[in-house]
PDB file of N, CA and C in Angstrom:
ATOM      1  N   MET A   1      -4.587   2.724   9.065  1.00  0.00           N
ATOM      2  CA  MET A   1      -4.573   3.530  10.270  1.00  0.00           C
ATOM      3  C   MET A   1      -5.994   4.044  10.507  1.00  0.00           C
ATOM      4  N   PRO A   2      -6.547   3.801  11.658  1.00  0.00           N
ATOM      5  CA  PRO A   2      -7.929   4.229  11.935  1.00  0.00           C
ATOM      6  C   PRO A   2      -8.047   5.729  12.163  1.00  0.00           C
ATOM      7  N   GLY A   3      -9.251   6.241  12.010  1.00  0.00           N
ATOM      8  CA  GLY A   3      -9.513   7.648  12.295  1.00  0.00           C
ATOM      9  C   GLY A   3      -8.816   8.565  11.321  1.00  0.00           C
ATOM     10  N   LYS A   4      -8.412   9.729  11.810  1.00  0.00           N
ATOM     11  CA  LYS A   4      -7.735  10.728  10.984  1.00  0.00           C
ATOM     12  C   LYS A   4      -6.272  10.845  11.387  1.00  0.00           C
ATOM     13  N   ARG A   5      -5.675   9.756  11.771  1.00  0.00           N
ATOM     14  CA  ARG A   5      -4.290   9.783  12.231  1.00  0.00           C
ATOM     15  C   ARG A   5      -3.327   9.684  11.057  1.00  0.00           C
ATOM     16  N   MET A   6      -2.195  10.336  11.226  1.00  0.00           N
ATOM     17  CA  MET A   6      -1.158  10.274  10.203  1.00  0.00           C
ATOM     18  C   MET A   6       0.195  10.230  10.895  1.00  0.00           C
ATOM     19  N   VAL A   7       1.023   9.283  10.470  1.00  0.00           N
ATOM     20  CA  VAL A   7       2.368   9.171  11.029  1.00  0.00           C
ATOM     21  C   VAL A   7       3.376   9.137   9.886  1.00  0.00           C
ATOM     22  N   VAL A   8       4.594   9.563  10.181  1.00  0.00           N
ATOM     23  CA  VAL A   8       5.671   9.560   9.195  1.00  0.00           C
ATOM     24  C   VAL A   8       6.892   8.913   9.830  1.00  0.00           C
ATOM     25  N   THR A   9       7.422   7.902   9.156  1.00  0.00           N
ATOM     26  CA  THR A   9       8.653   7.237   9.584  1.00  0.00           C
ATOM     27  C   THR A   9       9.161   6.416   8.403  1.00  0.00           C
ATOM     28  N   PRO A  10      10.464   6.164   8.303  1.00  0.00           N
ATOM     29  CA  PRO A  10      10.958   5.306   7.223  1.00  0.00           C
ATOM     30  C   PRO A  10      10.473   3.863   7.413  1.00  0.00           C
ATOM     31  N   LEU A  11      10.268   3.158   6.320  1.00  0.00           N
ATOM     32  CA  LEU A  11       9.820   1.762   6.405  1.00  0.00           C
ATOM     33  C   LEU A  11      10.793   0.901   7.204  1.00  0.00           C
ATOM     34  N   SER A  12      12.071   1.219   7.121  1.00  0.00           N
ATOM     35  CA  SER A  12      13.066   0.427   7.859  1.00  0.00           C
ATOM     36  C   SER A  12      12.920   0.582   9.373  1.00  0.00           C
ATOM     37  N   ASN A  13      12.149   1.568   9.817  1.00  0.00           N
ATOM     38  CA  ASN A  13      11.945   1.808  11.243  1.00  0.00           C
ATOM     39  C   ASN A  13      10.740   1.037  11.798  1.00  0.00           C
ATOM     40  N   LEU A  14       9.936   0.456  10.920  1.00  0.00           N
ATOM     41  CA  LEU A  14       8.751  -0.295  11.351  1.00  0.00           C
ATOM     42  C   LEU A  14       9.089  -1.774  11.480  1.00  0.00           C
ATOM     43  N   HIS A  15       8.629  -2.393  12.555  1.00  0.00           N
ATOM     44  CA  HIS A  15       8.925  -3.801  12.798  1.00  0.00           C
ATOM     45  C   HIS A  15       7.664  -4.540  13.231  1.00  0.00           C
ATOM     46  N   ILE A  16       7.541  -5.780  12.755  1.00  0.00           N
ATOM     47  CA  ILE A  16       6.459  -6.668  13.170  1.00  0.00           C
ATOM     48  C   ILE A  16       7.111  -7.870  13.847  1.00  0.00           C
ATOM     49  N   TYR A  17       6.680  -8.148  15.047  1.00  0.00           N
ATOM     50  CA  TYR A  17       7.201  -9.290  15.796  1.00  0.00           C
ATOM     51  C   TYR A  17       6.089 -10.318  15.966  1.00  0.00           C
ATOM     52  N   THR A  18       6.381 -11.568  15.594  1.00  0.00           N
ATOM     53  CA  THR A  18       5.421 -12.657  15.738  1.00  0.00           C
ATOM     54  C   THR A  18       5.968 -13.649  16.754  1.00  0.00           C
ATOM     55  N   GLN A  19       5.164 -13.965  17.752  1.00  0.00           N
ATOM     56  CA  GLN A  19       5.585 -14.910  18.784  1.00  0.00           C
ATOM     57  C   GLN A  19       5.669 -16.307  18.190  1.00  0.00           C
ATOM     58  N   ARG A  20       6.721 -17.023  18.519  1.00  0.00           N
ATOM     59  CA  ARG A  20       6.913 -18.376  17.994  1.00  0.00           C
ATOM     60  C   ARG A  20       5.767 -19.295  18.397  1.00  0.00           C
ATOM     61  N   ASN A  21       5.438 -20.194  17.490  1.00  0.00           N
ATOM     62  CA  ASN A  21       4.434 -21.243  17.714  1.00  0.00           C
ATOM     63  C   ASN A  21       3.044 -20.699  18.042  1.00  0.00           C
ATOM     64  N   THR A  22       2.694 -19.513  17.529  1.00  0.00           N
ATOM     65  CA  THR A  22       1.347 -18.981  17.763  1.00  0.00           C
ATOM     66  C   THR A  22       0.524 -18.919  16.481  1.00  0.00           C
ATOM     67  N   ARG A  23       1.102 -19.301  15.354  1.00  0.00           N
ATOM     68  CA  ARG A  23       0.346 -19.259  14.099  1.00  0.00           C
ATOM     69  C   ARG A  23      -0.540 -20.490  13.996  1.00  0.00           C
ATOM     70  N   MET A  24      -1.813 -20.239  13.740  1.00  0.00           N
ATOM     71  CA  MET A  24      -2.768 -21.331  13.579  1.00  0.00           C
ATOM     72  C   MET A  24      -3.652 -21.033  12.377  1.00  0.00           C
ATOM     73  N   ARG A  25      -3.911 -22.047  11.576  1.00  0.00           N
ATOM     74  CA  ARG A  25      -4.779 -21.887  10.423  1.00  0.00           C
ATOM     75  C   ARG A  25      -5.777 -23.031  10.392  1.00  0.00           C
ATOM     76  N   LYS A  26      -7.013 -22.684  10.056  1.00  0.00           N
ATOM     77  CA  LYS A  26      -8.063 -23.688   9.980  1.00  0.00           C
ATOM     78  C   LYS A  26      -8.981 -23.327   8.821  1.00  0.00           C
ATOM     79  N   GLY A  27      -9.219 -24.270   7.965  1.00  0.00           N
ATOM     80  CA  GLY A  27     -10.140 -24.080   6.855  1.00  0.00           C
ATOM     81  C   GLY A  27     -11.133 -25.221   6.826  1.00  0.00           C
ATOM     82  N   GLU A  28     -12.411 -24.879   6.668  1.00  0.00           N
ATOM     83  CA  GLU A  28     -13.435 -25.923   6.644  1.00  0.00           C
ATOM     84  C   GLU A  28     -14.691 -25.423   5.939  1.00  0.00           C
ATOM     85  N   PHE A  29     -15.451 -26.353   5.393  1.00  0.00           N
ATOM     86  CA  PHE A  29     -16.745 -26.022   4.818  1.00  0.00           C
ATOM     87  C   PHE A  29     -17.786 -26.139   5.922  1.00  0.00           C
ATOM     88  N   VAL A  30     -18.522 -25.051   6.150  1.00  0.00           N
ATOM     89  CA  VAL A  30     -19.546 -25.024   7.194  1.00  0.00           C
ATOM     90  C   VAL A  30     -20.895 -25.254   6.521  1.00  0.00           C
ATOM     91  N   GLU A  31     -21.449 -26.420   6.773  1.00  0.00           N
ATOM     92  CA  GLU A  31     -22.697 -26.826   6.116  1.00  0.00           C
ATOM     93  C   GLU A  31     -23.858 -25.901   6.461  1.00  0.00           C
ATOM     94  N   ASP A  32     -23.940 -25.440   7.709  1.00  0.00           N
ATOM     95  CA  ASP A  32     -25.050 -24.569   8.120  1.00  0.00           C
ATOM     96  C   ASP A  32     -25.119 -23.288   7.299  1.00  0.00           C
ATOM     97  N   ARG A  33     -23.959 -22.727   6.953  1.00  0.00           N
ATOM     98  CA  ARG A  33     -23.917 -21.463   6.209  1.00  0.00           C
ATOM     99  C   ARG A  33     -23.640 -21.666   4.729  1.00  0.00           C
ATOM    100  N   LYS A  34     -23.390 -22.913   4.329  1.00  0.00           N
ATOM    101  CA  LYS A  34     -23.103 -23.262   2.935  1.00  0.00           C
ATOM    102  C   LYS A  34     -21.937 -22.451   2.380  1.00  0.00           C
ATOM    103  N   GLN A  35     -20.852 -22.393   3.162  1.00  0.00           N
ATOM    104  CA  GLN A  35     -19.684 -21.633   2.716  1.00  0.00           C
ATOM    105  C   GLN A  35     -18.410 -22.212   3.309  1.00  0.00           C
ATOM    106  N   PHE A  36     -17.301 -21.934   2.629  1.00  0.00           N
ATOM    107  CA  PHE A  36     -15.987 -22.327   3.124  1.00  0.00           C
ATOM    108  C   PHE A  36     -15.461 -21.201   3.998  1.00  0.00           C
ATOM    109  N   GLU A  37     -15.016 -21.524   5.203  1.00  0.00           N
ATOM    110  CA  GLU A  37     -14.491 -20.516   6.123  1.00  0.00           C
ATOM    111  C   GLU A  37     -13.018 -20.782   6.383  1.00  0.00           C
ATOM    112  N   ASN A  38     -12.239 -19.724   6.331  1.00  0.00           N
ATOM    113  CA  ASN A  38     -10.803 -19.796   6.538  1.00  0.00           C
ATOM    114  C   ASN A  38     -10.437 -18.906   7.721  1.00  0.00           C
ATOM    115  N   LYS A  39      -9.729 -19.460   8.689  1.00  0.00           N
ATOM    116  CA  LYS A  39      -9.318 -18.698   9.873  1.00  0.00           C
ATOM    117  C   LYS A  39      -7.799 -18.760   9.987  1.00  0.00           C
ATOM    118  N   TYR A  40      -7.186 -17.600  10.216  1.00  0.00           N
ATOM    119  CA  TYR A  40      -5.740 -17.525  10.390  1.00  0.00           C
ATOM    120  C   TYR A  40      -5.471 -16.647  11.598  1.00  0.00           C
ATOM    121  N   LEU A  41      -4.886 -17.228  12.623  1.00  0.00           N
ATOM    122  CA  LEU A  41      -4.626 -16.518  13.872  1.00  0.00           C
ATOM    123  C   LEU A  41      -3.133 -16.519  14.171  1.00  0.00           C
ATOM    124  N   ARG A  42      -2.655 -15.422  14.754  1.00  0.00           N
ATOM    125  CA  ARG A  42      -1.263 -15.349  15.187  1.00  0.00           C
ATOM    126  C   ARG A  42      -1.137 -14.255  16.239  1.00  0.00           C
ATOM    127  N   ASN A  43      -0.142 -14.363  17.072  1.00  0.00           N
ATOM    128  CA  ASN A  43       0.119 -13.380  18.116  1.00  0.00           C
ATOM    129  C   ASN A  43       1.234 -12.463  17.618  1.00  0.00           C
ATOM    130  N   GLU A  44       0.874 -11.213  17.267  1.00  0.00           N
ATOM    131  CA  GLU A  44       1.835 -10.277  16.698  1.00  0.00           C
ATOM    132  C   GLU A  44       1.906  -8.995  17.502  1.00  0.00           C
ATOM    133  N   GLY A  45       3.041  -8.343  17.396  1.00  0.00           N
ATOM    134  CA  GLY A  45       3.230  -7.023  17.988  1.00  0.00           C
ATOM    135  C   GLY A  45       3.911  -6.120  16.980  1.00  0.00           C
ATOM    136  N   TYR A  46       3.613  -4.846  17.039  1.00  0.00           N
ATOM    137  CA  TYR A  46       4.179  -3.870  16.116  1.00  0.00           C
ATOM    138  C   TYR A  46       5.015  -2.871  16.902  1.00  0.00           C
ATOM    139  N   ALA A  47       6.139  -2.441  16.323  1.00  0.00           N
ATOM    140  CA  ALA A  47       7.034  -1.546  17.052  1.00  0.00           C
ATOM    141  C   ALA A  47       7.721  -0.569  16.110  1.00  0.00           C
ATOM    142  N   VAL A  48       8.125   0.562  16.685  1.00  0.00           N
ATOM    143  CA  VAL A  48       8.968   1.547  16.025  1.00  0.00           C
ATOM    144  C   VAL A  48      10.335   1.431  16.690  1.00  0.00           C
ATOM    145  N   GLU A  49      11.351   1.116  15.898  1.00  0.00           N
ATOM    146  CA  GLU A  49      12.679   0.844  16.456  1.00  0.00           C
ATOM    147  C   GLU A  49      13.334   2.096  17.049  1.00  0.00           C
ATOM    148  N   VAL A  50      13.345   3.194  16.297  1.00  0.00           N
ATOM    149  CA  VAL A  50      13.998   4.432  16.746  1.00  0.00           C
ATOM    150  C   VAL A  50      12.925   5.505  16.923  1.00  0.00           C
ATOM    151  N   PRO A  51      12.539   5.836  18.150  1.00  0.00           N
ATOM    152  CA  PRO A  51      11.460   6.808  18.378  1.00  0.00           C
ATOM    153  C   PRO A  51      11.745   8.190  17.790  1.00  0.00           C
ATOM    154  N   GLU A  52      13.005   8.568  17.667  1.00  0.00           N
ATOM    155  CA  GLU A  52      13.350   9.884  17.116  1.00  0.00           C
ATOM    156  C   GLU A  52      13.028   9.996  15.623  1.00  0.00           C
ATOM    157  N   LEU A  53      12.810   8.879  14.943  1.00  0.00           N
ATOM    158  CA  LEU A  53      12.468   8.886  13.516  1.00  0.00           C
ATOM    159  C   LEU A  53      10.965   8.790  13.288  1.00  0.00           C
ATOM    160  N   TYR A  54      10.172   9.047  14.305  1.00  0.00           N
ATOM    161  CA  TYR A  54       8.713   8.906  14.241  1.00  0.00           C
ATOM    162  C   TYR A  54       8.072  10.266  14.491  1.00  0.00           C
ATOM    163  N   ALA A  55       7.132  10.653  13.629  1.00  0.00           N
ATOM    164  CA  ALA A  55       6.376  11.895  13.818  1.00  0.00           C
ATOM    165  C   ALA A  55       4.905  11.589  13.580  1.00  0.00           C
ATOM    166  N   ALA A  56       4.025  12.266  14.315  1.00  0.00           N
ATOM    167  CA  ALA A  56       2.587  12.043  14.176  1.00  0.00           C
ATOM    168  C   ALA A  56       1.849  13.373  14.225  1.00  0.00           C
ATOM    169  N   ILE A  57       0.671  13.392  13.614  1.00  0.00           N
ATOM    170  CA  ILE A  57      -0.193  14.569  13.632  1.00  0.00           C
ATOM    171  C   ILE A  57      -1.342  14.293  14.581  1.00  0.00           C
ATOM    172  N   ASP A  58      -1.624  15.244  15.456  1.00  0.00           N
ATOM    173  CA  ASP A  58      -2.706  15.118  16.431  1.00  0.00           C
ATOM    174  C   ASP A  58      -4.048  15.020  15.708  1.00  0.00           C
ATOM    175  N   GLU A  59      -4.818  14.012  16.027  1.00  0.00           N
ATOM    176  CA  GLU A  59      -6.101  13.774  15.366  1.00  0.00           C
ATOM    177  C   GLU A  59      -7.060  14.950  15.531  1.00  0.00           C
ATOM    178  N   SER A  60      -7.026  15.617  16.660  1.00  0.00           N
ATOM    179  CA  SER A  60      -7.944  16.736  16.889  1.00  0.00           C
ATOM    180  C   SER A  60      -7.579  17.961  16.048  1.00  0.00           C
ATOM    181  N   ALA A  61      -6.368  17.999  15.477  1.00  0.00           N
ATOM    182  CA  ALA A  61      -5.940  19.131  14.653  1.00  0.00           C
ATOM    183  C   ALA A  61      -6.270  18.939  13.179  1.00  0.00           C
ATOM    184  N   VAL A  62      -6.833  17.789  12.802  1.00  0.00           N
ATOM    185  CA  VAL A  62      -7.118  17.489  11.404  1.00  0.00           C
ATOM    186  C   VAL A  62      -8.588  17.736  11.104  1.00  0.00           C
ATOM    187  N   THR A  63      -8.848  18.490  10.030  1.00  0.00           N
ATOM    188  CA  THR A  63     -10.214  18.716   9.562  1.00  0.00           C
ATOM    189  C   THR A  63     -10.305  18.236   8.123  1.00  0.00           C
ATOM    190  N   ILE A  64     -11.244  17.341   7.853  1.00  0.00           N
ATOM    191  CA  ILE A  64     -11.453  16.849   6.498  1.00  0.00           C
ATOM    192  C   ILE A  64     -12.688  17.545   5.952  1.00  0.00           C
ATOM    193  N   GLY A  65     -12.531  18.238   4.842  1.00  0.00           N
ATOM    194  CA  GLY A  65     -13.647  18.975   4.248  1.00  0.00           C
ATOM    195  C   GLY A  65     -13.199  19.643   2.966  1.00  0.00           C
ATOM    196  N   LYS A  66     -13.937  20.670   2.549  1.00  0.00           N
ATOM    197  CA  LYS A  66     -13.625  21.388   1.322  1.00  0.00           C
ATOM    198  C   LYS A  66     -12.353  22.210   1.492  1.00  0.00           C
ATOM    199  N   VAL A  67     -11.602  22.310   0.383  1.00  0.00           N
ATOM    200  CA  VAL A  67     -10.395  23.123   0.378  1.00  0.00           C
ATOM    201  C   VAL A  67     -10.804  24.567   0.132  1.00  0.00           C
ATOM    202  N   LEU A  68     -10.375  25.464   0.990  1.00  0.00           N
ATOM    203  CA  LEU A  68     -10.714  26.875   0.848  1.00  0.00           C
ATOM    204  C   LEU A  68      -9.807  27.545  -0.177  1.00  0.00           C
ATOM    205  N   GLY A  69     -10.383  28.456  -0.974  1.00  0.00           N
ATOM    206  CA  GLY A  69      -9.602  29.211  -1.948  1.00  0.00           C
ATOM    207  C   GLY A  69      -9.218  28.413  -3.173  1.00  0.00           C
ATOM    208  N   GLY A  70      -9.829  27.261  -3.381  1.00  0.00           N
ATOM    209  CA  GLY A  70      -9.448  26.425  -4.509  1.00  0.00           C
ATOM    210  C   GLY A  70     -10.436  26.453  -5.534  1.00  0.00           C
TER     211      GLY A  70
END
């Protein structure tokens, strides 16, 4: 999760959908760079099945720093 975002939901509420026939893989040795390159592409979408089971913390309300009184 990017930034300072935090969400809470059961794992059973998270879903990944992959569109049929969109997975592509290509592996080859690239002589110019003297390395093997592997590419894996797919068309995916992510979803929360039941919105009532999802909670999030506002990024602007989070401060990362020293703990006071500790």
